[in-house]
Amino acid sequence: MVSQQTINKVKEMIKEKEVFVASKSYCPYCKKAKSTLFKELNVPEDKALVLELDEMTDGKDIQDALYEITGQSTVPNIFIEGAQVGGNDDLQTLKRSGKLDQMLQKVMN
C-alpha cells in the first residue's frame, strides 16, 4: 500500500505540466507513445513531465500511486491537462480519431 503523501506528490506532478507521461525506458509501448507525442505531434518537451520509473529510486511507489489514482497498473500512463488519457493504445486511438489534436491545442499554443 502506497502512502497518501506519495499519492499527493504524484497528483501534484500530474498538474505540474500540460503533459505527464509515466514511462519505463525499455518499454516499446512507452517509446511509441513518446515518439507520437514529441516527434510526430511536436509537443514541446518543456510542456511535459516524463518520468522513467525504472530509472528512479521511488519509481515503484510512483507506479503504485498511479494505480491508486487511476486503476491503471501499466505504463505508459499518460495525462493531458491533468486528465488521464490512458496508455499507448488509448493515445493512438485518440490520434486516429482526431481527438488528440483537439486535446493538445491548448498545449501547443
PDB file of N, CA and C in Angstrom:
ATOM      1  N   MET A   1       0.851  -1.190   0.000  1.00  0.00           N
ATOM      2  CA  MET A   1       0.000   0.000   0.000  1.00  0.00           C
ATOM      3  C   MET A   1       0.892   1.247   0.000  1.00  0.00           C
ATOM      4  N   VAL A   2       0.573   2.139  -0.893  1.00  0.00           N
ATOM      5  CA  VAL A   2       1.369   3.353  -1.056  1.00  0.00           C
ATOM      6  C   VAL A   2       0.827   4.437  -0.116  1.00  0.00           C
ATOM      7  N   SER A   3       1.714   5.303   0.334  1.00  0.00           N
ATOM      8  CA  SER A   3       1.310   6.324   1.302  1.00  0.00           C
ATOM      9  C   SER A   3       0.490   7.437   0.642  1.00  0.00           C
ATOM     10  N   GLN A   4      -0.335   8.087   1.438  1.00  0.00           N
ATOM     11  CA  GLN A   4      -1.119   9.223   0.956  1.00  0.00           C
ATOM     12  C   GLN A   4      -0.195  10.355   0.509  1.00  0.00           C
ATOM     13  N   GLN A   5       0.939  10.475   1.187  1.00  0.00           N
ATOM     14  CA  GLN A   5       1.921  11.500   0.820  1.00  0.00           C
ATOM     15  C   GLN A   5       2.429  11.277  -0.605  1.00  0.00           C
ATOM     16  N   THR A   6       2.709  10.024  -0.964  1.00  0.00           N
ATOM     17  CA  THR A   6       3.177   9.710  -2.320  1.00  0.00           C
ATOM     18  C   THR A   6       2.070   9.960  -3.337  1.00  0.00           C
ATOM     19  N   ILE A   7       0.841   9.584  -3.002  1.00  0.00           N
ATOM     20  CA  ILE A   7      -0.297   9.828  -3.895  1.00  0.00           C
ATOM     21  C   ILE A   7      -0.443  11.326  -4.152  1.00  0.00           C
ATOM     22  N   ASN A   8      -0.355  12.123  -3.100  1.00  0.00           N
ATOM     23  CA  ASN A   8      -0.458  13.583  -3.245  1.00  0.00           C
ATOM     24  C   ASN A   8       0.679  14.139  -4.100  1.00  0.00           C
ATOM     25  N   LYS A   9       1.884  13.602  -3.902  1.00  0.00           N
ATOM     26  CA  LYS A   9       3.048  14.033  -4.684  1.00  0.00           C
ATOM     27  C   LYS A   9       2.824  13.744  -6.169  1.00  0.00           C
ATOM     28  N   VAL A  10       2.299  12.567  -6.477  1.00  0.00           N
ATOM     29  CA  VAL A  10       2.053  12.195  -7.872  1.00  0.00           C
ATOM     30  C   VAL A  10       0.955  13.075  -8.470  1.00  0.00           C
ATOM     31  N   LYS A  11      -0.081  13.358  -7.706  1.00  0.00           N
ATOM     32  CA  LYS A  11      -1.148  14.250  -8.197  1.00  0.00           C
ATOM     33  C   LYS A  11      -0.589  15.629  -8.523  1.00  0.00           C
ATOM     34  N   GLU A  12       0.330  16.111  -7.698  1.00  0.00           N
ATOM     35  CA  GLU A  12       0.963  17.406  -7.961  1.00  0.00           C
ATOM     36  C   GLU A  12       1.822  17.347  -9.226  1.00  0.00           C
ATOM     37  N   MET A  13       2.550  16.246  -9.421  1.00  0.00           N
ATOM     38  CA  MET A  13       3.382  16.098 -10.617  1.00  0.00           C
ATOM     39  C   MET A  13       2.512  16.088 -11.873  1.00  0.00           C
ATOM     40  N   ILE A  14       1.345  15.449 -11.809  1.00  0.00           N
ATOM     41  CA  ILE A  14       0.440  15.394 -12.960  1.00  0.00           C
ATOM     42  C   ILE A  14      -0.015  16.807 -13.341  1.00  0.00           C
ATOM     43  N   LYS A  15      -0.219  17.663 -12.333  1.00  0.00           N
ATOM     44  CA  LYS A  15      -0.681  19.038 -12.580  1.00  0.00           C
ATOM     45  C   LYS A  15       0.453  19.977 -12.994  1.00  0.00           C
ATOM     46  N   GLU A  16       1.703  19.548 -12.730  1.00  0.00           N
ATOM     47  CA  GLU A  16       2.862  20.424 -12.914  1.00  0.00           C
ATOM     48  C   GLU A  16       3.025  20.909 -14.359  1.00  0.00           C
ATOM     49  N   LYS A  17       2.811  20.037 -15.313  1.00  0.00           N
ATOM     50  CA  LYS A  17       2.982  20.368 -16.737  1.00  0.00           C
ATOM     51  C   LYS A  17       1.713  19.972 -17.492  1.00  0.00           C
ATOM     52  N   GLU A  18       1.588  20.465 -18.713  1.00  0.00           N
ATOM     53  CA  GLU A  18       0.406  20.174 -19.521  1.00  0.00           C
ATOM     54  C   GLU A  18       0.303  18.697 -19.892  1.00  0.00           C
ATOM     55  N   VAL A  19       1.467  18.054 -20.109  1.00  0.00           N
ATOM     56  CA  VAL A  19       1.508  16.636 -20.465  1.00  0.00           C
ATOM     57  C   VAL A  19       2.356  15.906 -19.432  1.00  0.00           C
ATOM     58  N   PHE A  20       1.827  14.792 -18.937  1.00  0.00           N
ATOM     59  CA  PHE A  20       2.540  13.953 -17.963  1.00  0.00           C
ATOM     60  C   PHE A  20       2.567  12.540 -18.521  1.00  0.00           C
ATOM     61  N   VAL A  21       3.760  11.941 -18.534  1.00  0.00           N
ATOM     62  CA  VAL A  21       3.898  10.565 -19.005  1.00  0.00           C
ATOM     63  C   VAL A  21       4.717   9.785 -17.988  1.00  0.00           C
ATOM     64  N   ALA A  22       4.105   8.745 -17.434  1.00  0.00           N
ATOM     65  CA  ALA A  22       4.849   7.786 -16.619  1.00  0.00           C
ATOM     66  C   ALA A  22       5.262   6.674 -17.571  1.00  0.00           C
ATOM     67  N   SER A  23       6.568   6.413 -17.635  1.00  0.00           N
ATOM     68  CA  SER A  23       7.131   5.552 -18.655  1.00  0.00           C
ATOM     69  C   SER A  23       8.175   4.626 -18.031  1.00  0.00           C
ATOM     70  N   LYS A  24       8.618   3.666 -18.800  1.00  0.00           N
ATOM     71  CA  LYS A  24       9.814   2.884 -18.460  1.00  0.00           C
ATOM     72  C   LYS A  24      10.691   2.880 -19.690  1.00  0.00           C
ATOM     73  N   SER A  25      11.981   3.086 -19.491  1.00  0.00           N
ATOM     74  CA  SER A  25      12.902   3.340 -20.598  1.00  0.00           C
ATOM     75  C   SER A  25      12.964   2.184 -21.601  1.00  0.00           C
ATOM     76  N   TYR A  26      12.712   0.961 -21.161  1.00  0.00           N
ATOM     77  CA  TYR A  26      12.836  -0.203 -22.041  1.00  0.00           C
ATOM     78  C   TYR A  26      11.518  -0.609 -22.701  1.00  0.00           C
ATOM     79  N   CYS A  27      10.428   0.044 -22.360  1.00  0.00           N
ATOM     80  CA  CYS A  27       9.092  -0.381 -22.786  1.00  0.00           C
ATOM     81  C   CYS A  27       8.790   0.081 -24.209  1.00  0.00           C
ATOM     82  N   PRO A  28       8.498  -0.847 -25.141  1.00  0.00           N
ATOM     83  CA  PRO A  28       8.222  -0.440 -26.520  1.00  0.00           C
ATOM     84  C   PRO A  28       6.945   0.408 -26.656  1.00  0.00           C
ATOM     85  N   TYR A  29       5.963   0.166 -25.811  1.00  0.00           N
ATOM     86  CA  TYR A  29       4.722   0.947 -25.868  1.00  0.00           C
ATOM     87  C   TYR A  29       4.972   2.385 -25.387  1.00  0.00           C
ATOM     88  N   CYS A  30       5.832   2.519 -24.395  1.00  0.00           N
ATOM     89  CA  CYS A  30       6.222   3.841 -23.905  1.00  0.00           C
ATOM     90  C   CYS A  30       6.980   4.597 -24.987  1.00  0.00           C
ATOM     91  N   LYS A  31       7.907   3.903 -25.656  1.00  0.00           N
ATOM     92  CA  LYS A  31       8.686   4.539 -26.722  1.00  0.00           C
ATOM     93  C   LYS A  31       7.771   5.021 -27.838  1.00  0.00           C
ATOM     94  N   LYS A  32       6.789   4.222 -28.199  1.00  0.00           N
ATOM     95  CA  LYS A  32       5.844   4.602 -29.256  1.00  0.00           C
ATOM     96  C   LYS A  32       5.023   5.825 -28.829  1.00  0.00           C
ATOM     97  N   ALA A  33       4.550   5.819 -27.595  1.00  0.00           N
ATOM     98  CA  ALA A  33       3.753   6.944 -27.099  1.00  0.00           C
ATOM     99  C   ALA A  33       4.582   8.227 -27.084  1.00  0.00           C
ATOM    100  N   LYS A  34       5.821   8.147 -26.608  1.00  0.00           N
ATOM    101  CA  LYS A  34       6.686   9.334 -26.560  1.00  0.00           C
ATOM    102  C   LYS A  34       7.026   9.816 -27.972  1.00  0.00           C
ATOM    103  N   SER A  35       7.235   8.883 -28.885  1.00  0.00           N
ATOM    104  CA  SER A  35       7.502   9.246 -30.270  1.00  0.00           C
ATOM    105  C   SER A  35       6.296   9.961 -30.882  1.00  0.00           C
ATOM    106  N   THR A  36       5.110   9.448 -30.612  1.00  0.00           N
ATOM    107  CA  THR A  36       3.884  10.079 -31.117  1.00  0.00           C
ATOM    108  C   THR A  36       3.757  11.498 -30.584  1.00  0.00           C
ATOM    109  N   LEU A  37       3.939  11.663 -29.287  1.00  0.00           N
ATOM    110  CA  LEU A  37       3.760  12.979 -28.676  1.00  0.00           C
ATOM    111  C   LEU A  37       4.839  13.971 -29.092  1.00  0.00           C
ATOM    112  N   PHE A  38       6.100  13.553 -29.007  1.00  0.00           N
ATOM    113  CA  PHE A  38       7.200  14.513 -29.129  1.00  0.00           C
ATOM    114  C   PHE A  38       7.813  14.605 -30.522  1.00  0.00           C
ATOM    115  N   LYS A  39       7.717  13.539 -31.328  1.00  0.00           N
ATOM    116  CA  LYS A  39       8.279  13.589 -32.684  1.00  0.00           C
ATOM    117  C   LYS A  39       7.197  13.849 -33.725  1.00  0.00           C
ATOM    118  N   GLU A  40       6.113  13.061 -33.697  1.00  0.00           N
ATOM    119  CA  GLU A  40       5.053  13.226 -34.701  1.00  0.00           C
ATOM    120  C   GLU A  40       4.232  14.490 -34.466  1.00  0.00           C
ATOM    121  N   LEU A  41       3.818  14.709 -33.224  1.00  0.00           N
ATOM    122  CA  LEU A  41       2.918  15.822 -32.921  1.00  0.00           C
ATOM    123  C   LEU A  41       3.646  17.058 -32.402  1.00  0.00           C
ATOM    124  N   ASN A  42       4.951  16.929 -32.208  1.00  0.00           N
ATOM    125  CA  ASN A  42       5.800  18.062 -31.807  1.00  0.00           C
ATOM    126  C   ASN A  42       5.351  18.764 -30.528  1.00  0.00           C
ATOM    127  N   VAL A  43       4.929  17.993 -29.552  1.00  0.00           N
ATOM    128  CA  VAL A  43       4.625  18.577 -28.243  1.00  0.00           C
ATOM    129  C   VAL A  43       5.948  19.110 -27.681  1.00  0.00           C
ATOM    130  N   PRO A  44       5.995  20.384 -27.284  1.00  0.00           N
ATOM    131  CA  PRO A  44       7.237  20.931 -26.727  1.00  0.00           C
ATOM    132  C   PRO A  44       7.626  20.192 -25.436  1.00  0.00           C
ATOM    133  N   GLU A  45       8.865  19.763 -25.377  1.00  0.00           N
ATOM    134  CA  GLU A  45       9.306  18.976 -24.220  1.00  0.00           C
ATOM    135  C   GLU A  45       9.252  19.777 -22.921  1.00  0.00           C
ATOM    136  N   ASP A  46       9.331  21.107 -23.019  1.00  0.00           N
ATOM    137  CA  ASP A  46       9.251  21.914 -21.804  1.00  0.00           C
ATOM    138  C   ASP A  46       7.822  21.990 -21.254  1.00  0.00           C
ATOM    139  N   LYS A  47       6.855  21.496 -22.009  1.00  0.00           N
ATOM    140  CA  LYS A  47       5.464  21.455 -21.544  1.00  0.00           C
ATOM    141  C   LYS A  47       5.101  20.080 -21.015  1.00  0.00           C
ATOM    142  N   ALA A  48       6.096  19.200 -20.903  1.00  0.00           N
ATOM    143  CA  ALA A  48       5.834  17.821 -20.495  1.00  0.00           C
ATOM    144  C   ALA A  48       6.745  17.400 -19.349  1.00  0.00           C
ATOM    145  N   LEU A  49       6.194  16.534 -18.529  1.00  0.00           N
ATOM    146  CA  LEU A  49       6.978  15.870 -17.499  1.00  0.00           C
ATOM    147  C   LEU A  49       6.928  14.381 -17.812  1.00  0.00           C
ATOM    148  N   VAL A  50       8.090  13.829 -18.147  1.00  0.00           N
ATOM    149  CA  VAL A  50       8.200  12.405 -18.469  1.00  0.00           C
ATOM    150  C   VAL A  50       9.036  11.750 -17.375  1.00  0.00           C
ATOM    151  N   LEU A  51       8.456  10.779 -16.706  1.00  0.00           N
ATOM    152  CA  LEU A  51       9.168  10.040 -15.665  1.00  0.00           C
ATOM    153  C   LEU A  51       9.524   8.659 -16.191  1.00  0.00           C
ATOM    154  N   GLU A  52      10.803   8.320 -16.121  1.00  0.00           N
ATOM    155  CA  GLU A  52      11.240   6.953 -16.453  1.00  0.00           C
ATOM    156  C   GLU A  52      11.301   6.191 -15.132  1.00  0.00           C
ATOM    157  N   LEU A  53      10.217   5.509 -14.814  1.00  0.00           N
ATOM    158  CA  LEU A  53      10.060   4.911 -13.490  1.00  0.00           C
ATOM    159  C   LEU A  53      11.138   3.890 -13.167  1.00  0.00           C
ATOM    160  N   ASP A  54      11.619   3.175 -14.187  1.00  0.00           N
ATOM    161  CA  ASP A  54      12.649   2.157 -13.945  1.00  0.00           C
ATOM    162  C   ASP A  54      13.999   2.772 -13.611  1.00  0.00           C
ATOM    163  N   GLU A  55      14.157   4.068 -13.802  1.00  0.00           N
ATOM    164  CA  GLU A  55      15.424   4.745 -13.517  1.00  0.00           C
ATOM    165  C   GLU A  55      15.349   5.587 -12.246  1.00  0.00           C
ATOM    166  N   MET A  56      14.227   5.483 -11.526  1.00  0.00           N
ATOM    167  CA  MET A  56      14.013   6.300 -10.324  1.00  0.00           C
ATOM    168  C   MET A  56      13.980   5.412  -9.086  1.00  0.00           C
ATOM    169  N   THR A  57      14.554   5.900  -7.989  1.00  0.00           N
ATOM    170  CA  THR A  57      14.547   5.105  -6.763  1.00  0.00           C
ATOM    171  C   THR A  57      13.130   4.914  -6.232  1.00  0.00           C
ATOM    172  N   ASP A  58      12.257   5.899  -6.453  1.00  0.00           N
ATOM    173  CA  ASP A  58      10.877   5.773  -5.972  1.00  0.00           C
ATOM    174  C   ASP A  58       9.894   5.436  -7.106  1.00  0.00           C
ATOM    175  N   GLY A  59      10.434   4.905  -8.206  1.00  0.00           N
ATOM    176  CA  GLY A  59       9.608   4.591  -9.371  1.00  0.00           C
ATOM    177  C   GLY A  59       8.473   3.622  -9.073  1.00  0.00           C
ATOM    178  N   LYS A  60       8.753   2.595  -8.272  1.00  0.00           N
ATOM    179  CA  LYS A  60       7.699   1.633  -7.940  1.00  0.00           C
ATOM    180  C   LYS A  60       6.607   2.306  -7.119  1.00  0.00           C
ATOM    181  N   ASP A  61       6.989   3.150  -6.182  1.00  0.00           N
ATOM    182  CA  ASP A  61       5.993   3.873  -5.374  1.00  0.00           C
ATOM    183  C   ASP A  61       5.132   4.783  -6.255  1.00  0.00           C
ATOM    184  N   ILE A  62       5.763   5.442  -7.221  1.00  0.00           N
ATOM    185  CA  ILE A  62       5.019   6.317  -8.125  1.00  0.00           C
ATOM    186  C   ILE A  62       4.042   5.493  -8.962  1.00  0.00           C
ATOM    187  N   GLN A  63       4.502   4.344  -9.455  1.00  0.00           N
ATOM    188  CA  GLN A  63       3.615   3.486 -10.241  1.00  0.00           C
ATOM    189  C   GLN A  63       2.458   2.970  -9.376  1.00  0.00           C
ATOM    190  N   ASP A  64       2.753   2.616  -8.139  1.00  0.00           N
ATOM    191  CA  ASP A  64       1.693   2.175  -7.220  1.00  0.00           C
ATOM    192  C   ASP A  64       0.694   3.305  -6.955  1.00  0.00           C
ATOM    193  N   ALA A  65       1.198   4.524  -6.810  1.00  0.00           N
ATOM    194  CA  ALA A  65       0.323   5.673  -6.580  1.00  0.00           C
ATOM    195  C   ALA A  65      -0.551   5.929  -7.806  1.00  0.00           C
ATOM    196  N   LEU A  66       0.026   5.806  -8.991  1.00  0.00           N
ATOM    197  CA  LEU A  66      -0.766   5.978 -10.218  1.00  0.00           C
ATOM    198  C   LEU A  66      -1.878   4.931 -10.290  1.00  0.00           C
ATOM    199  N   TYR A  67      -1.581   3.719  -9.848  1.00  0.00           N
ATOM    200  CA  TYR A  67      -2.613   2.673  -9.818  1.00  0.00           C
ATOM    201  C   TYR A  67      -3.736   3.056  -8.857  1.00  0.00           C
ATOM    202  N   GLU A  68      -3.363   3.584  -7.689  1.00  0.00           N
ATOM    203  CA  GLU A  68      -4.371   4.017  -6.712  1.00  0.00           C
ATOM    204  C   GLU A  68      -5.240   5.137  -7.287  1.00  0.00           C
ATOM    205  N   ILE A  69      -4.622   6.049  -8.038  1.00  0.00           N
ATOM    206  CA  ILE A  69      -5.324   7.207  -8.584  1.00  0.00           C
ATOM    207  C   ILE A  69      -6.206   6.819  -9.778  1.00  0.00           C
ATOM    208  N   THR A  70      -5.674   5.958 -10.664  1.00  0.00           N
ATOM    209  CA  THR A  70      -6.329   5.716 -11.958  1.00  0.00           C
ATOM    210  C   THR A  70      -6.887   4.308 -12.143  1.00  0.00           C
ATOM    211  N   GLY A  71      -6.395   3.346 -11.354  1.00  0.00           N
ATOM    212  CA  GLY A  71      -6.775   1.953 -11.580  1.00  0.00           C
ATOM    213  C   GLY A  71      -5.971   1.307 -12.701  1.00  0.00           C
ATOM    214  N   GLN A  72      -5.025   2.043 -13.278  1.00  0.00           N
ATOM    215  CA  GLN A  72      -4.173   1.510 -14.345  1.00  0.00           C
ATOM    216  C   GLN A  72      -2.813   1.166 -13.758  1.00  0.00           C
ATOM    217  N   SER A  73      -2.401  -0.090 -13.925  1.00  0.00           N
ATOM    218  CA  SER A  73      -1.131  -0.524 -13.338  1.00  0.00           C
ATOM    219  C   SER A  73       0.017  -0.508 -14.347  1.00  0.00           C
ATOM    220  N   THR A  74      -0.296  -0.293 -15.625  1.00  0.00           N
ATOM    221  CA  THR A  74       0.721  -0.399 -16.666  1.00  0.00           C
ATOM    222  C   THR A  74       1.231   0.980 -17.099  1.00  0.00           C
ATOM    223  N   VAL A  75       2.369   0.950 -17.802  1.00  0.00           N
ATOM    224  CA  VAL A  75       2.911   2.146 -18.428  1.00  0.00           C
ATOM    225  C   VAL A  75       2.895   1.928 -19.935  1.00  0.00           C
ATOM    226  N   PRO A  76       2.833   2.982 -20.730  1.00  0.00           N
ATOM    227  CA  PRO A  76       2.784   4.360 -20.285  1.00  0.00           C
ATOM    228  C   PRO A  76       1.433   4.702 -19.663  1.00  0.00           C
ATOM    229  N   ASN A  77       1.482   5.656 -18.765  1.00  0.00           N
ATOM    230  CA  ASN A  77       0.265   6.224 -18.183  1.00  0.00           C
ATOM    231  C   ASN A  77       0.339   7.709 -18.503  1.00  0.00           C
ATOM    232  N   ILE A  78      -0.562   8.153 -19.375  1.00  0.00           N
ATOM    233  CA  ILE A  78      -0.459   9.477 -19.984  1.00  0.00           C
ATOM    234  C   ILE A  78      -1.603  10.371 -19.516  1.00  0.00           C
ATOM    235  N   PHE A  79      -1.257  11.614 -19.201  1.00  0.00           N
ATOM    236  CA  PHE A  79      -2.242  12.629 -18.815  1.00  0.00           C
ATOM    237  C   PHE A  79      -2.029  13.859 -19.688  1.00  0.00           C
ATOM    238  N   ILE A  80      -3.116  14.484 -20.115  1.00  0.00           N
ATOM    239  CA  ILE A  80      -3.055  15.750 -20.840  1.00  0.00           C
ATOM    240  C   ILE A  80      -3.960  16.728 -20.115  1.00  0.00           C
ATOM    241  N   GLU A  81      -3.382  17.872 -19.739  1.00  0.00           N
ATOM    242  CA  GLU A  81      -4.127  18.887 -18.985  1.00  0.00           C
ATOM    243  C   GLU A  81      -4.759  18.287 -17.723  1.00  0.00           C
ATOM    244  N   GLY A  82      -4.029  17.373 -17.078  1.00  0.00           N
ATOM    245  CA  GLY A  82      -4.487  16.780 -15.827  1.00  0.00           C
ATOM    246  C   GLY A  82      -5.476  15.642 -15.972  1.00  0.00           C
ATOM    247  N   ALA A  83      -5.944  15.370 -17.192  1.00  0.00           N
ATOM    248  CA  ALA A  83      -6.913  14.293 -17.416  1.00  0.00           C
ATOM    249  C   ALA A  83      -6.194  13.060 -17.946  1.00  0.00           C
ATOM    250  N   GLN A  84      -6.517  11.900 -17.376  1.00  0.00           N
ATOM    251  CA  GLN A  84      -5.868  10.682 -17.826  1.00  0.00           C
ATOM    252  C   GLN A  84      -6.336  10.304 -19.226  1.00  0.00           C
ATOM    253  N   VAL A  85      -5.365  10.060 -20.098  1.00  0.00           N
ATOM    254  CA  VAL A  85      -5.623   9.566 -21.446  1.00  0.00           C
ATOM    255  C   VAL A  85      -5.619   8.047 -21.421  1.00  0.00           C
ATOM    256  N   GLY A  86      -4.699   7.465 -20.649  1.00  0.00           N
ATOM    257  CA  GLY A  86      -4.544   6.014 -20.583  1.00  0.00           C
ATOM    258  C   GLY A  86      -3.167   5.628 -21.058  1.00  0.00           C
ATOM    259  N   GLY A  87      -3.111   4.515 -21.795  1.00  0.00           N
ATOM    260  CA  GLY A  87      -1.843   4.008 -22.294  1.00  0.00           C
ATOM    261  C   GLY A  87      -1.638   4.327 -23.767  1.00  0.00           C
ATOM    262  N   ASN A  88      -0.673   3.651 -24.380  1.00  0.00           N
ATOM    263  CA  ASN A  88      -0.348   3.906 -25.776  1.00  0.00           C
ATOM    264  C   ASN A  88      -1.516   3.590 -26.708  1.00  0.00           C
ATOM    265  N   ASP A  89      -2.208   2.471 -26.495  1.00  0.00           N
ATOM    266  CA  ASP A  89      -3.350   2.139 -27.361  1.00  0.00           C
ATOM    267  C   ASP A  89      -4.399   3.249 -27.321  1.00  0.00           C
ATOM    268  N   ASP A  90      -4.661   3.767 -26.116  1.00  0.00           N
ATOM    269  CA  ASP A  90      -5.634   4.855 -25.968  1.00  0.00           C
ATOM    270  C   ASP A  90      -5.155   6.105 -26.708  1.00  0.00           C
ATOM    271  N   LEU A  91      -3.865   6.395 -26.583  1.00  0.00           N
ATOM    272  CA  LEU A  91      -3.279   7.555 -27.257  1.00  0.00           C
ATOM    273  C   LEU A  91      -3.423   7.432 -28.769  1.00  0.00           C
ATOM    274  N   GLN A  92      -3.100   6.246 -29.305  1.00  0.00           N
ATOM    275  CA  GLN A  92      -3.175   6.042 -30.763  1.00  0.00           C
ATOM    276  C   GLN A  92      -4.622   6.121 -31.251  1.00  0.00           C
ATOM    277  N   THR A  93      -5.568   5.613 -30.464  1.00  0.00           N
ATOM    278  CA  THR A  93      -6.989   5.697 -30.825  1.00  0.00           C
ATOM    279  C   THR A  93      -7.425   7.155 -30.889  1.00  0.00           C
ATOM    280  N   LEU A  94      -7.020   7.948 -29.894  1.00  0.00           N
ATOM    281  CA  LEU A  94      -7.352   9.374 -29.894  1.00  0.00           C
ATOM    282  C   LEU A  94      -6.719  10.089 -31.084  1.00  0.00           C
ATOM    283  N   LYS A  95      -5.497   9.684 -31.430  1.00  0.00           N
ATOM    284  CA  LYS A  95      -4.806  10.310 -32.563  1.00  0.00           C
ATOM    285  C   LYS A  95      -5.559  10.012 -33.861  1.00  0.00           C
ATOM    286  N   ARG A  96      -5.933   8.751 -34.075  1.00  0.00           N
ATOM    287  CA  ARG A  96      -6.643   8.365 -35.298  1.00  0.00           C
ATOM    288  C   ARG A  96      -7.987   9.078 -35.420  1.00  0.00           C
ATOM    289  N   SER A  97      -8.652   9.307 -34.293  1.00  0.00           N
ATOM    290  CA  SER A  97      -9.978   9.933 -34.317  1.00  0.00           C
ATOM    291  C   SER A  97      -9.913  11.449 -34.468  1.00  0.00           C
ATOM    292  N   GLY A  98      -8.723  12.031 -34.320  1.00  0.00           N
ATOM    293  CA  GLY A  98      -8.582  13.482 -34.384  1.00  0.00           C
ATOM    294  C   GLY A  98      -8.775  14.159 -33.029  1.00  0.00           C
ATOM    295  N   LYS A  99      -9.186  13.397 -32.021  1.00  0.00           N
ATOM    296  CA  LYS A  99      -9.442  13.988 -30.705  1.00  0.00           C
ATOM    297  C   LYS A  99      -8.156  14.403 -29.998  1.00  0.00           C
ATOM    298  N   LEU A 100      -7.059  13.709 -30.292  1.00  0.00           N
ATOM    299  CA  LEU A 100      -5.790  14.044 -29.639  1.00  0.00           C
ATOM    300  C   LEU A 100      -5.346  15.453 -30.037  1.00  0.00           C
ATOM    301  N   ASP A 101      -5.491  15.794 -31.306  1.00  0.00           N
ATOM    302  CA  ASP A 101      -5.139  17.146 -31.750  1.00  0.00           C
ATOM    303  C   ASP A 101      -5.942  18.189 -30.976  1.00  0.00           C
ATOM    304  N   GLN A 102      -7.231  17.932 -30.779  1.00  0.00           N
ATOM    305  CA  GLN A 102      -8.074  18.857 -30.021  1.00  0.00           C
ATOM    306  C   GLN A 102      -7.577  18.985 -28.584  1.00  0.00           C
ATOM    307  N   MET A 103      -7.230  17.839 -27.983  1.00  0.00           N
ATOM    308  CA  MET A 103      -6.760  17.854 -26.595  1.00  0.00           C
ATOM    309  C   MET A 103      -5.449  18.622 -26.458  1.00  0.00           C
ATOM    310  N   LEU A 104      -4.628  18.582 -27.487  1.00  0.00           N
ATOM    311  CA  LEU A 104      -3.304  19.203 -27.420  1.00  0.00           C
ATOM    312  C   LEU A 104      -3.297  20.656 -27.883  1.00  0.00           C
ATOM    313  N   GLN A 105      -4.433  21.170 -28.371  1.00  0.00           N
ATOM    314  CA  GLN A 105      -4.451  22.542 -28.882  1.00  0.00           C
ATOM    315  C   GLN A 105      -3.951  23.557 -27.858  1.00  0.00           C
ATOM    316  N   LYS A 106      -4.448  23.490 -26.626  1.00  0.00           N
ATOM    317  CA  LYS A 106      -4.019  24.428 -25.595  1.00  0.00           C
ATOM    318  C   LYS A 106      -2.536  24.258 -25.279  1.00  0.00           C
ATOM    319  N   VAL A 107      -2.057  23.034 -25.329  1.00  0.00           N
ATOM    320  CA  VAL A 107      -0.658  22.748 -25.025  1.00  0.00           C
ATOM    321  C   VAL A 107       0.253  23.374 -26.086  1.00  0.00           C
ATOM    322  N   MET A 108      -0.191  23.343 -27.322  1.00  0.00           N
ATOM    323  CA  MET A 108       0.650  23.782 -28.445  1.00  0.00           C
ATOM    324  C   MET A 108       0.691  25.302 -28.592  1.00  0.00           C
ATOM    325  N   ASN A 109      -0.195  26.029 -27.930  1.00  0.00           N
ATOM    326  CA  ASN A 109      -0.211  27.495 -28.053  1.00  0.00           C
ATOM    327  C   ASN A 109       0.693  28.155 -27.050  1.00  0.00           C
TER     328      ASN A 109
END
